Amino acid sequence: MTYTVLDTQTGLTWQRRVPEERFTWEEAMAYAVQLKLDGGRWRLPTVGELRSIDRKAFPESLPERFWSGTLLINALGYAWGVNFNDGNTGFFDVGNTYRVRCVR
């Protein structure tokens, strides 16, 4: 089983399998930093990076909301994310729990 996916268009390497847990935004940031997968150096993707994911590369991807590392400017307590159920980008309360897919 391959645990990472290289996007040859962007040069980004993605975590293939997402954890079963859901995280608040702060927990998601901490999870990414401590992730040791394939040598570490992981982070949450920007909202643009998260939107760029080719769903064909992640056939098991869950149709749920995923955190980005991008905070909403001028609105404390919100961060951008992508809902992979419908492909929409939105901002979510950082206290809610959603999925995480890390990048480097």
PDB file of N, CA and C in Angstrom:
ATOM      1  N   MET A   1       0.840  -1.182   0.000  1.00  0.00           N
ATOM      2  CA  MET A   1       0.000   0.000   0.000  1.00  0.00           C
ATOM      3  C   MET A   1       0.889   1.250   0.000  1.00  0.00           C
ATOM      4  N   THR A   2       0.619   2.147  -0.915  1.00  0.00           N
ATOM      5  CA  THR A   2       1.325   3.425  -0.960  1.00  0.00           C
ATOM      6  C   THR A   2       0.623   4.393  -0.018  1.00  0.00           C
ATOM      7  N   TYR A   3       1.402   5.076   0.804  1.00  0.00           N
ATOM      8  CA  TYR A   3       0.820   5.947   1.818  1.00  0.00           C
ATOM      9  C   TYR A   3       0.813   7.410   1.419  1.00  0.00           C
ATOM     10  N   THR A   4       1.450   7.732   0.276  1.00  0.00           N
ATOM     11  CA  THR A   4       1.467   9.104  -0.201  1.00  0.00           C
ATOM     12  C   THR A   4       1.153   9.124  -1.697  1.00  0.00           C
ATOM     13  N   VAL A   5       0.740  10.300  -2.166  1.00  0.00           N
ATOM     14  CA  VAL A   5       0.442  10.498  -3.581  1.00  0.00           C
ATOM     15  C   VAL A   5       1.168  11.754  -4.034  1.00  0.00           C
ATOM     16  N   LEU A   6       1.963  11.645  -5.104  1.00  0.00           N
ATOM     17  CA  LEU A   6       2.639  12.804  -5.671  1.00  0.00           C
ATOM     18  C   LEU A   6       1.778  13.373  -6.786  1.00  0.00           C
ATOM     19  N   ASP A   7       1.450  14.647  -6.680  1.00  0.00           N
ATOM     20  CA  ASP A   7       0.730  15.354  -7.736  1.00  0.00           C
ATOM     21  C   ASP A   7       1.784  15.943  -8.666  1.00  0.00           C
ATOM     22  N   THR A   8       1.927  15.366  -9.833  1.00  0.00           N
ATOM     23  CA  THR A   8       2.977  15.804 -10.754  1.00  0.00           C
ATOM     24  C   THR A   8       2.701  17.179 -11.344  1.00  0.00           C
ATOM     25  N   GLN A   9       1.452  17.636 -11.307  1.00  0.00           N
ATOM     26  CA  GLN A   9       1.110  18.971 -11.808  1.00  0.00           C
ATOM     27  C   GLN A   9       1.605  20.063 -10.861  1.00  0.00           C
ATOM     28  N   THR A  10       1.460  19.828  -9.551  1.00  0.00           N
ATOM     29  CA  THR A  10       1.797  20.849  -8.559  1.00  0.00           C
ATOM     30  C   THR A  10       3.106  20.576  -7.832  1.00  0.00           C
ATOM     31  N   GLY A  11       3.573  19.325  -7.881  1.00  0.00           N
ATOM     32  CA  GLY A  11       4.764  18.931  -7.136  1.00  0.00           C
ATOM     33  C   GLY A  11       4.487  18.658  -5.671  1.00  0.00           C
ATOM     34  N   LEU A  12       3.219  18.705  -5.267  1.00  0.00           N
ATOM     35  CA  LEU A  12       2.852  18.451  -3.876  1.00  0.00           C
ATOM     36  C   LEU A  12       2.719  16.954  -3.621  1.00  0.00           C
ATOM     37  N   THR A  13       3.087  16.544  -2.425  1.00  0.00           N
ATOM     38  CA  THR A  13       2.882  15.169  -1.990  1.00  0.00           C
ATOM     39  C   THR A  13       1.766  15.184  -0.959  1.00  0.00           C
ATOM     40  N   TRP A  14       0.792  14.315  -1.156  1.00  0.00           N
ATOM     41  CA  TRP A  14      -0.386  14.241  -0.295  1.00  0.00           C
ATOM     42  C   TRP A  14      -0.403  12.956   0.521  1.00  0.00           C
ATOM     43  N   GLN A  15      -0.977  13.041   1.688  1.00  0.00           N
ATOM     44  CA  GLN A  15      -1.274  11.880   2.524  1.00  0.00           C
ATOM     45  C   GLN A  15      -2.423  11.129   1.837  1.00  0.00           C
ATOM     46  N   ARG A  16      -2.206   9.851   1.516  1.00  0.00           N
ATOM     47  CA  ARG A  16      -3.251   9.099   0.795  1.00  0.00           C
ATOM     48  C   ARG A  16      -4.441   8.774   1.689  1.00  0.00           C
ATOM     49  N   ARG A  17      -4.180   8.188   2.836  1.00  0.00           N
ATOM     50  CA  ARG A  17      -5.267   7.783   3.738  1.00  0.00           C
ATOM     51  C   ARG A  17      -5.440   8.816   4.831  1.00  0.00           C
ATOM     52  N   VAL A  18      -6.661   9.173   5.092  1.00  0.00           N
ATOM     53  CA  VAL A  18      -6.922  10.158   6.139  1.00  0.00           C
ATOM     54  C   VAL A  18      -7.210   9.434   7.453  1.00  0.00           C
ATOM     55  N   PRO A  19      -6.918  10.090   8.573  1.00  0.00           N
ATOM     56  CA  PRO A  19      -7.230   9.452   9.859  1.00  0.00           C
ATOM     57  C   PRO A  19      -8.741   9.307  10.043  1.00  0.00           C
ATOM     58  N   GLU A  20      -9.120   8.335  10.842  1.00  0.00           N
ATOM     59  CA  GLU A  20     -10.546   8.134  11.114  1.00  0.00           C
ATOM     60  C   GLU A  20     -11.121   9.233  11.991  1.00  0.00           C
ATOM     61  N   GLU A  21     -10.259   9.853  12.803  1.00  0.00           N
ATOM     62  CA  GLU A  21     -10.723  10.899  13.697  1.00  0.00           C
ATOM     63  C   GLU A  21     -11.051  12.168  12.927  1.00  0.00           C
ATOM     64  N   ARG A  22     -11.916  12.963  13.514  1.00  0.00           N
ATOM     65  CA  ARG A  22     -12.176  14.314  13.034  1.00  0.00           C
ATOM     66  C   ARG A  22     -11.544  15.256  14.057  1.00  0.00           C
ATOM     67  N   PHE A  23     -11.111  16.422  13.590  1.00  0.00           N
ATOM     68  CA  PHE A  23     -10.359  17.337  14.431  1.00  0.00           C
ATOM     69  C   PHE A  23     -10.941  18.745  14.386  1.00  0.00           C
ATOM     70  N   THR A  24     -10.791  19.485  15.502  1.00  0.00           N
ATOM     71  CA  THR A  24     -11.005  20.923  15.426  1.00  0.00           C
ATOM     72  C   THR A  24      -9.863  21.481  14.585  1.00  0.00           C
ATOM     73  N   TRP A  25      -9.952  22.749  14.189  1.00  0.00           N
ATOM     74  CA  TRP A  25      -8.905  23.316  13.347  1.00  0.00           C
ATOM     75  C   TRP A  25      -7.550  23.300  14.056  1.00  0.00           C
ATOM     76  N   GLU A  26      -7.514  23.685  15.331  1.00  0.00           N
ATOM     77  CA  GLU A  26      -6.244  23.675  16.072  1.00  0.00           C
ATOM     78  C   GLU A  26      -5.696  22.261  16.210  1.00  0.00           C
ATOM     79  N   GLU A  27      -6.560  21.296  16.483  1.00  0.00           N
ATOM     80  CA  GLU A  27      -6.122  19.896  16.559  1.00  0.00           C
ATOM     81  C   GLU A  27      -5.589  19.423  15.210  1.00  0.00           C
ATOM     82  N   ALA A  28      -6.235  19.854  14.124  1.00  0.00           N
ATOM     83  CA  ALA A  28      -5.797  19.489  12.781  1.00  0.00           C
ATOM     84  C   ALA A  28      -4.410  20.044  12.489  1.00  0.00           C
ATOM     85  N   MET A  29      -4.172  21.294  12.882  1.00  0.00           N
ATOM     86  CA  MET A  29      -2.853  21.903  12.684  1.00  0.00           C
ATOM     87  C   MET A  29      -1.798  21.111  13.455  1.00  0.00           C
ATOM     88  N   ALA A  30      -2.101  20.742  14.697  1.00  0.00           N
ATOM     89  CA  ALA A  30      -1.165  19.981  15.530  1.00  0.00           C
ATOM     90  C   ALA A  30      -0.933  18.585  14.943  1.00  0.00           C
ATOM     91  N   TYR A  31      -1.995  17.952  14.459  1.00  0.00           N
ATOM     92  CA  TYR A  31      -1.865  16.633  13.838  1.00  0.00           C
ATOM     93  C   TYR A  31      -0.897  16.684  12.664  1.00  0.00           C
ATOM     94  N   ALA A  32      -1.058  17.669  11.806  1.00  0.00           N
ATOM     95  CA  ALA A  32      -0.212  17.781  10.616  1.00  0.00           C
ATOM     96  C   ALA A  32       1.256  17.939  10.990  1.00  0.00           C
ATOM     97  N   VAL A  33       1.539  18.780  11.959  1.00  0.00           N
ATOM     98  CA  VAL A  33       2.921  19.044  12.367  1.00  0.00           C
ATOM     99  C   VAL A  33       3.574  17.794  12.941  1.00  0.00           C
ATOM    100  N   GLN A  34       2.824  17.001  13.686  1.00  0.00           N
ATOM    101  CA  GLN A  34       3.412  15.819  14.334  1.00  0.00           C
ATOM    102  C   GLN A  34       3.383  14.574  13.463  1.00  0.00           C
ATOM    103  N   LEU A  35       2.740  14.622  12.287  1.00  0.00           N
ATOM    104  CA  LEU A  35       2.632  13.449  11.423  1.00  0.00           C
ATOM    105  C   LEU A  35       4.017  12.995  10.961  1.00  0.00           C
ATOM    106  N   LYS A  36       4.368  11.753  11.251  1.00  0.00           N
ATOM    107  CA  LYS A  36       5.696  11.203  10.938  1.00  0.00           C
ATOM    108  C   LYS A  36       5.715  10.422   9.632  1.00  0.00           C
ATOM    109  N   LEU A  37       4.595  10.314   8.961  1.00  0.00           N
ATOM    110  CA  LEU A  37       4.474   9.546   7.733  1.00  0.00           C
ATOM    111  C   LEU A  37       5.575   9.897   6.739  1.00  0.00           C
ATOM    112  N   ASP A  38       6.295   8.900   6.270  1.00  0.00           N
ATOM    113  CA  ASP A  38       7.276   9.053   5.200  1.00  0.00           C
ATOM    114  C   ASP A  38       8.266  10.200   5.449  1.00  0.00           C
ATOM    115  N   GLY A  39       8.733  10.308   6.681  1.00  0.00           N
ATOM    116  CA  GLY A  39       9.762  11.307   6.986  1.00  0.00           C
ATOM    117  C   GLY A  39       9.274  12.632   7.544  1.00  0.00           C
ATOM    118  N   GLY A  40       7.975  12.825   7.665  1.00  0.00           N
ATOM    119  CA  GLY A  40       7.458  14.043   8.276  1.00  0.00           C
ATOM    120  C   GLY A  40       7.434  15.256   7.351  1.00  0.00           C
ATOM    121  N   ARG A  41       7.443  16.447   7.951  1.00  0.00           N
ATOM    122  CA  ARG A  41       7.379  17.755   7.277  1.00  0.00           C
ATOM    123  C   ARG A  41       6.003  18.032   6.661  1.00  0.00           C
ATOM    124  N   TRP A  42       4.952  17.535   7.287  1.00  0.00           N
ATOM    125  CA  TRP A  42       3.594  17.700   6.795  1.00  0.00           C
ATOM    126  C   TRP A  42       2.962  18.972   7.329  1.00  0.00           C
ATOM    127  N   ARG A  43       1.908  19.422   6.665  1.00  0.00           N
ATOM    128  CA  ARG A  43       1.146  20.605   7.074  1.00  0.00           C
ATOM    129  C   ARG A  43      -0.255  20.483   6.510  1.00  0.00           C
ATOM    130  N   LEU A  44      -1.155  21.357   6.982  1.00  0.00           N
ATOM    131  CA  LEU A  44      -2.466  21.435   6.348  1.00  0.00           C
ATOM    132  C   LEU A  44      -2.309  22.189   5.028  1.00  0.00           C
ATOM    133  N   PRO A  45      -3.021  21.799   4.000  1.00  0.00           N
ATOM    134  CA  PRO A  45      -2.927  22.500   2.726  1.00  0.00           C
ATOM    135  C   PRO A  45      -3.612  23.862   2.784  1.00  0.00           C
ATOM    136  N   THR A  46      -3.204  24.764   1.908  1.00  0.00           N
ATOM    137  CA  THR A  46      -3.968  26.001   1.743  1.00  0.00           C
ATOM    138  C   THR A  46      -5.308  25.620   1.128  1.00  0.00           C
ATOM    139  N   VAL A  47      -6.257  26.525   1.165  1.00  0.00           N
ATOM    140  CA  VAL A  47      -7.560  26.214   0.576  1.00  0.00           C
ATOM    141  C   VAL A  47      -7.424  25.966  -0.927  1.00  0.00           C
ATOM    142  N   GLY A  48      -6.552  26.700  -1.603  1.00  0.00           N
ATOM    143  CA  GLY A  48      -6.331  26.479  -3.031  1.00  0.00           C
ATOM    144  C   GLY A  48      -5.725  25.121  -3.325  1.00  0.00           C
ATOM    145  N   GLU A  49      -4.768  24.706  -2.496  1.00  0.00           N
ATOM    146  CA  GLU A  49      -4.163  23.381  -2.665  1.00  0.00           C
ATOM    147  C   GLU A  49      -5.203  22.290  -2.449  1.00  0.00           C
ATOM    148  N   LEU A  50      -6.022  22.458  -1.436  1.00  0.00           N
ATOM    149  CA  LEU A  50      -7.046  21.456  -1.129  1.00  0.00           C
ATOM    150  C   LEU A  50      -8.049  21.333  -2.278  1.00  0.00           C
ATOM    151  N   ARG A  51      -8.397  22.459  -2.873  1.00  0.00           N
ATOM    152  CA  ARG A  51      -9.330  22.441  -4.020  1.00  0.00           C
ATOM    153  C   ARG A  51      -8.715  21.791  -5.250  1.00  0.00           C
ATOM    154  N   SER A  52      -7.375  21.736  -5.315  1.00  0.00           N
ATOM    155  CA  SER A  52      -6.705  21.208  -6.504  1.00  0.00           C
ATOM    156  C   SER A  52      -6.629  19.687  -6.545  1.00  0.00           C
ATOM    157  N   ILE A  53      -7.058  19.030  -5.491  1.00  0.00           N
ATOM    158  CA  ILE A  53      -6.950  17.567  -5.427  1.00  0.00           C
ATOM    159  C   ILE A  53      -7.720  16.920  -6.570  1.00  0.00           C
ATOM    160  N   ASP A  54      -7.056  15.993  -7.237  1.00  0.00           N
ATOM    161  CA  ASP A  54      -7.690  15.186  -8.277  1.00  0.00           C
ATOM    162  C   ASP A  54      -8.346  14.000  -7.585  1.00  0.00           C
ATOM    163  N   ARG A  55      -9.641  13.979  -7.567  1.00  0.00           N
ATOM    164  CA  ARG A  55     -10.360  12.931  -6.839  1.00  0.00           C
ATOM    165  C   ARG A  55     -10.059  11.536  -7.372  1.00  0.00           C
ATOM    166  N   LYS A  56      -9.592  11.416  -8.605  1.00  0.00           N
ATOM    167  CA  LYS A  56      -9.237  10.104  -9.157  1.00  0.00           C
ATOM    168  C   LYS A  56      -8.063   9.493  -8.398  1.00  0.00           C
ATOM    169  N   ALA A  57      -7.197  10.351  -7.853  1.00  0.00           N
ATOM    170  CA  ALA A  57      -6.035   9.870  -7.098  1.00  0.00           C
ATOM    171  C   ALA A  57      -6.427   9.381  -5.707  1.00  0.00           C
ATOM    172  N   PHE A  58      -7.636   9.730  -5.262  1.00  0.00           N
ATOM    173  CA  PHE A  58      -8.106   9.368  -3.927  1.00  0.00           C
ATOM    174  C   PHE A  58      -9.497   8.731  -4.030  1.00  0.00           C
ATOM    175  N   PRO A  59      -9.591   7.563  -4.662  1.00  0.00           N
ATOM    176  CA  PRO A  59     -10.918   6.970  -4.882  1.00  0.00           C
ATOM    177  C   PRO A  59     -11.657   6.640  -3.589  1.00  0.00           C
ATOM    178  N   GLU A  60     -10.915   6.453  -2.500  1.00  0.00           N
ATOM    179  CA  GLU A  60     -11.555   6.131  -1.220  1.00  0.00           C
ATOM    180  C   GLU A  60     -11.878   7.385  -0.416  1.00  0.00           C
ATOM    181  N   SER A  61     -11.669   8.552  -1.008  1.00  0.00           N
ATOM    182  CA  SER A  61     -11.879   9.806  -0.294  1.00  0.00           C
ATOM    183  C   SER A  61     -13.324   9.934   0.167  1.00  0.00           C
ATOM    184  N   LEU A  62     -13.471  10.384   1.365  1.00  0.00           N
ATOM    185  CA  LEU A  62     -14.788  10.509   1.971  1.00  0.00           C
ATOM    186  C   LEU A  62     -15.479  11.790   1.497  1.00  0.00           C
ATOM    187  N   PRO A  63     -16.781  11.732   1.240  1.00  0.00           N
ATOM    188  CA  PRO A  63     -17.518  12.918   0.806  1.00  0.00           C
ATOM    189  C   PRO A  63     -17.883  13.796   2.006  1.00  0.00           C
ATOM    190  N   GLU A  64     -16.853  14.336   2.654  1.00  0.00           N
ATOM    191  CA  GLU A  64     -17.038  15.123   3.873  1.00  0.00           C
ATOM    192  C   GLU A  64     -16.257  16.418   3.783  1.00  0.00           C
ATOM    193  N   ARG A  65     -16.364  17.221   4.833  1.00  0.00           N
ATOM    194  CA  ARG A  65     -15.621  18.475   4.914  1.00  0.00           C
ATOM    195  C   ARG A  65     -14.201  18.218   5.410  1.00  0.00           C
ATOM    196  N   PHE A  66     -13.245  18.917   4.788  1.00  0.00           N
ATOM    197  CA  PHE A  66     -11.838  18.817   5.146  1.00  0.00           C
ATOM    198  C   PHE A  66     -11.305  20.211   5.453  1.00  0.00           C
ATOM    199  N   TRP A  67     -10.473  20.292   6.479  1.00  0.00           N
ATOM    200  CA  TRP A  67      -9.837  21.555   6.858  1.00  0.00           C
ATOM    201  C   TRP A  67      -8.730  21.947   5.897  1.00  0.00           C
ATOM    202  N   SER A  68      -8.581  23.253   5.697  1.00  0.00           N
ATOM    203  CA  SER A  68      -7.369  23.806   5.103  1.00  0.00           C
ATOM    204  C   SER A  68      -6.629  24.516   6.236  1.00  0.00           C
ATOM    205  N   GLY A  69      -5.425  24.954   5.964  1.00  0.00           N
ATOM    206  CA  GLY A  69      -4.669  25.718   6.951  1.00  0.00           C
ATOM    207  C   GLY A  69      -4.916  27.211   6.833  1.00  0.00           C
ATOM    208  N   THR A  70      -5.857  27.615   5.992  1.00  0.00           N
ATOM    209  CA  THR A  70      -6.119  29.021   5.705  1.00  0.00           C
ATOM    210  C   THR A  70      -7.215  29.571   6.606  1.00  0.00           C
ATOM    211  N   LEU A  71      -6.846  30.517   7.474  1.00  0.00           N
ATOM    212  CA  LEU A  71      -7.833  31.187   8.317  1.00  0.00           C
ATOM    213  C   LEU A  71      -8.583  32.224   7.501  1.00  0.00           C
ATOM    214  N   LEU A  72      -9.819  32.465   7.878  1.00  0.00           N
ATOM    215  CA  LEU A  72     -10.617  33.504   7.236  1.00  0.00           C
ATOM    216  C   LEU A  72     -10.160  34.855   7.768  1.00  0.00           C
ATOM    217  N   ILE A  73      -9.722  35.724   6.896  1.00  0.00           N
ATOM    218  CA  ILE A  73      -9.229  37.049   7.304  1.00  0.00           C
ATOM    219  C   ILE A  73     -10.390  37.885   7.819  1.00  0.00           C
ATOM    220  N   ASN A  74     -10.147  38.613   8.887  1.00  0.00           N
ATOM    221  CA  ASN A  74     -11.124  39.529   9.491  1.00  0.00           C
ATOM    222  C   ASN A  74     -12.336  38.834  10.107  1.00  0.00           C
ATOM    223  N   ALA A  75     -12.247  37.558  10.361  1.00  0.00           N
ATOM    224  CA  ALA A  75     -13.346  36.847  11.018  1.00  0.00           C
ATOM    225  C   ALA A  75     -12.738  35.822  11.962  1.00  0.00           C
ATOM    226  N   LEU A  76     -12.498  36.231  13.177  1.00  0.00           N
ATOM    227  CA  LEU A  76     -11.891  35.333  14.159  1.00  0.00           C
ATOM    228  C   LEU A  76     -12.758  34.100  14.356  1.00  0.00           C
ATOM    229  N   GLY A  77     -12.082  32.956  14.441  1.00  0.00           N
ATOM    230  CA  GLY A  77     -12.793  31.728  14.741  1.00  0.00           C
ATOM    231  C   GLY A  77     -13.263  30.944  13.542  1.00  0.00           C
ATOM    232  N   TYR A  78     -12.814  31.332  12.336  1.00  0.00           N
ATOM    233  CA  TYR A  78     -13.218  30.607  11.130  1.00  0.00           C
ATOM    234  C   TYR A  78     -12.011  30.302  10.253  1.00  0.00           C
ATOM    235  N   ALA A  79     -12.045  29.128   9.617  1.00  0.00           N
ATOM    236  CA  ALA A  79     -11.000  28.730   8.676  1.00  0.00           C
ATOM    237  C   ALA A  79     -11.679  28.164   7.431  1.00  0.00           C
ATOM    238  N   TRP A  80     -10.978  28.258   6.310  1.00  0.00           N
ATOM    239  CA  TRP A  80     -11.489  27.738   5.053  1.00  0.00           C
ATOM    240  C   TRP A  80     -11.380  26.222   4.997  1.00  0.00           C
ATOM    241  N   GLY A  81     -12.278  25.631   4.282  1.00  0.00           N
ATOM    242  CA  GLY A  81     -12.245  24.201   4.060  1.00  0.00           C
ATOM    243  C   GLY A  81     -12.960  23.866   2.767  1.00  0.00           C
ATOM    244  N   VAL A  82     -12.936  22.596   2.423  1.00  0.00           N
ATOM    245  CA  VAL A  82     -13.609  22.127   1.215  1.00  0.00           C
ATOM    246  C   VAL A  82     -14.541  20.988   1.599  1.00  0.00           C
ATOM    247  N   ASN A  83     -15.752  21.053   1.078  1.00  0.00           N
ATOM    248  CA  ASN A  83     -16.718  19.990   1.283  1.00  0.00           C
ATOM    249  C   ASN A  83     -16.630  19.065   0.070  1.00  0.00           C
ATOM    250  N   PHE A  84     -16.062  17.874   0.253  1.00  0.00           N
ATOM    251  CA  PHE A  84     -15.895  16.954  -0.859  1.00  0.00           C
ATOM    252  C   PHE A  84     -17.162  16.190  -1.202  1.00  0.00           C
ATOM    253  N   ASN A  85     -18.256  16.494  -0.525  1.00  0.00           N
ATOM    254  CA  ASN A  85     -19.549  15.946  -0.916  1.00  0.00           C
ATOM    255  C   ASN A  85     -20.049  16.667  -2.163  1.00  0.00           C
ATOM    256  N   ASP A  86     -19.879  18.003  -2.190  1.00  0.00           N
ATOM    257  CA  ASP A  86     -20.374  18.778  -3.330  1.00  0.00           C
ATOM    258  C   ASP A  86     -19.287  19.625  -4.008  1.00  0.00           C
ATOM    259  N   GLY A  87     -18.055  19.590  -3.462  1.00  0.00           N
ATOM    260  CA  GLY A  87     -16.953  20.327  -4.065  1.00  0.00           C
ATOM    261  C   GLY A  87     -16.892  21.794  -3.702  1.00  0.00           C
ATOM    262  N   ASN A  88     -17.805  22.252  -2.858  1.00  0.00           N
ATOM    263  CA  ASN A  88     -17.845  23.668  -2.497  1.00  0.00           C
ATOM    264  C   ASN A  88     -16.790  24.032  -1.465  1.00  0.00           C
ATOM    265  N   THR A  89     -16.288  25.243  -1.585  1.00  0.00           N
ATOM    266  CA  THR A  89     -15.363  25.817  -0.618  1.00  0.00           C
ATOM    267  C   THR A  89     -16.176  26.689   0.321  1.00  0.00           C
ATOM    268  N   GLY A  90     -15.829  26.662   1.601  1.00  0.00           N
ATOM    269  CA  GLY A  90     -16.541  27.489   2.563  1.00  0.00           C
ATOM    270  C   GLY A  90     -15.688  27.726   3.778  1.00  0.00           C
ATOM    271  N   PHE A  91     -16.217  28.513   4.701  1.00  0.00           N
ATOM    272  CA  PHE A  91     -15.501  28.721   5.944  1.00  0.00           C
ATOM    273  C   PHE A  91     -16.288  28.083   7.068  1.00  0.00           C
ATOM    274  N   PHE A  92     -15.514  27.456   7.974  1.00  0.00           N
ATOM    275  CA  PHE A  92     -16.095  26.657   9.036  1.00  0.00           C
ATOM    276  C   PHE A  92     -15.602  27.157  10.383  1.00  0.00           C
ATOM    277  N   ASP A  93     -16.456  27.055  11.383  1.00  0.00           N
ATOM    278  CA  ASP A  93     -16.099  27.408  12.754  1.00  0.00           C
ATOM    279  C   ASP A  93     -14.949  26.507  13.204  1.00  0.00           C
ATOM    280  N   VAL A  94     -13.863  27.103  13.714  1.00  0.00           N
ATOM    281  CA  VAL A  94     -12.672  26.325  14.082  1.00  0.00           C
ATOM    282  C   VAL A  94     -12.917  25.367  15.240  1.00  0.00           C
ATOM    283  N   GLY A  95     -14.019  25.518  15.940  1.00  0.00           N
ATOM    284  CA  GLY A  95     -14.349  24.607  17.028  1.00  0.00           C
ATOM    285  C   GLY A  95     -15.059  23.344  16.573  1.00  0.00           C
ATOM    286  N   ASN A  96     -15.541  23.326  15.329  1.00  0.00           N
ATOM    287  CA  ASN A  96     -16.183  22.131  14.787  1.00  0.00           C
ATOM    288  C   ASN A  96     -15.116  21.110  14.405  1.00  0.00           C
ATOM    289  N   THR A  97     -15.521  19.884  14.207  1.00  0.00           N
ATOM    290  CA  THR A  97     -14.559  18.839  13.854  1.00  0.00           C
ATOM    291  C   THR A  97     -14.818  18.340  12.438  1.00  0.00           C
ATOM    292  N   TYR A  98     -13.724  18.289  11.672  1.00  0.00           N
ATOM    293  CA  TYR A  98     -13.781  17.828  10.289  1.00  0.00           C
ATOM    294  C   TYR A  98     -12.570  16.957   9.984  1.00  0.00           C
ATOM    295  N   ARG A  99     -12.495  16.461   8.774  1.00  0.00           N
ATOM    296  CA  ARG A  99     -11.421  15.578   8.328  1.00  0.00           C
ATOM    297  C   ARG A  99     -10.158  16.372   7.999  1.00  0.00           C
ATOM    298  N   VAL A 100      -9.056  15.625   7.875  1.00  0.00           N
ATOM    299  CA  VAL A 100      -7.754  16.210   7.566  1.00  0.00           C
ATOM    300  C   VAL A 100      -7.048  15.362   6.510  1.00  0.00           C
ATOM    301  N   ARG A 101      -6.492  16.021   5.503  1.00  0.00           N
ATOM    302  CA  ARG A 101      -5.582  15.371   4.554  1.00  0.00           C
ATOM    303  C   ARG A 101      -4.367  16.286   4.445  1.00  0.00           C
ATOM    304  N   CYS A 102      -3.211  15.793   4.896  1.00  0.00           N
ATOM    305  CA  CYS A 102      -2.004  16.618   4.962  1.00  0.00           C
ATOM    306  C   CYS A 102      -1.243  16.626   3.642  1.00  0.00           C
ATOM    307  N   VAL A 103      -0.395  17.638   3.498  1.00  0.00           N
ATOM    308  CA  VAL A 103       0.379  17.857   2.282  1.00  0.00           C
ATOM    309  C   VAL A 103       1.774  18.300   2.655  1.00  0.00           C
ATOM    310  N   ARG A 104       2.698  18.163   1.713  1.00  0.00           N
ATOM    311  CA  ARG A 104       4.028  18.731   1.874  1.00  0.00           C
ATOM    312  C   ARG A 104       4.626  18.997   0.508  1.00  0.00           C
TER     313      ARG A 104
END
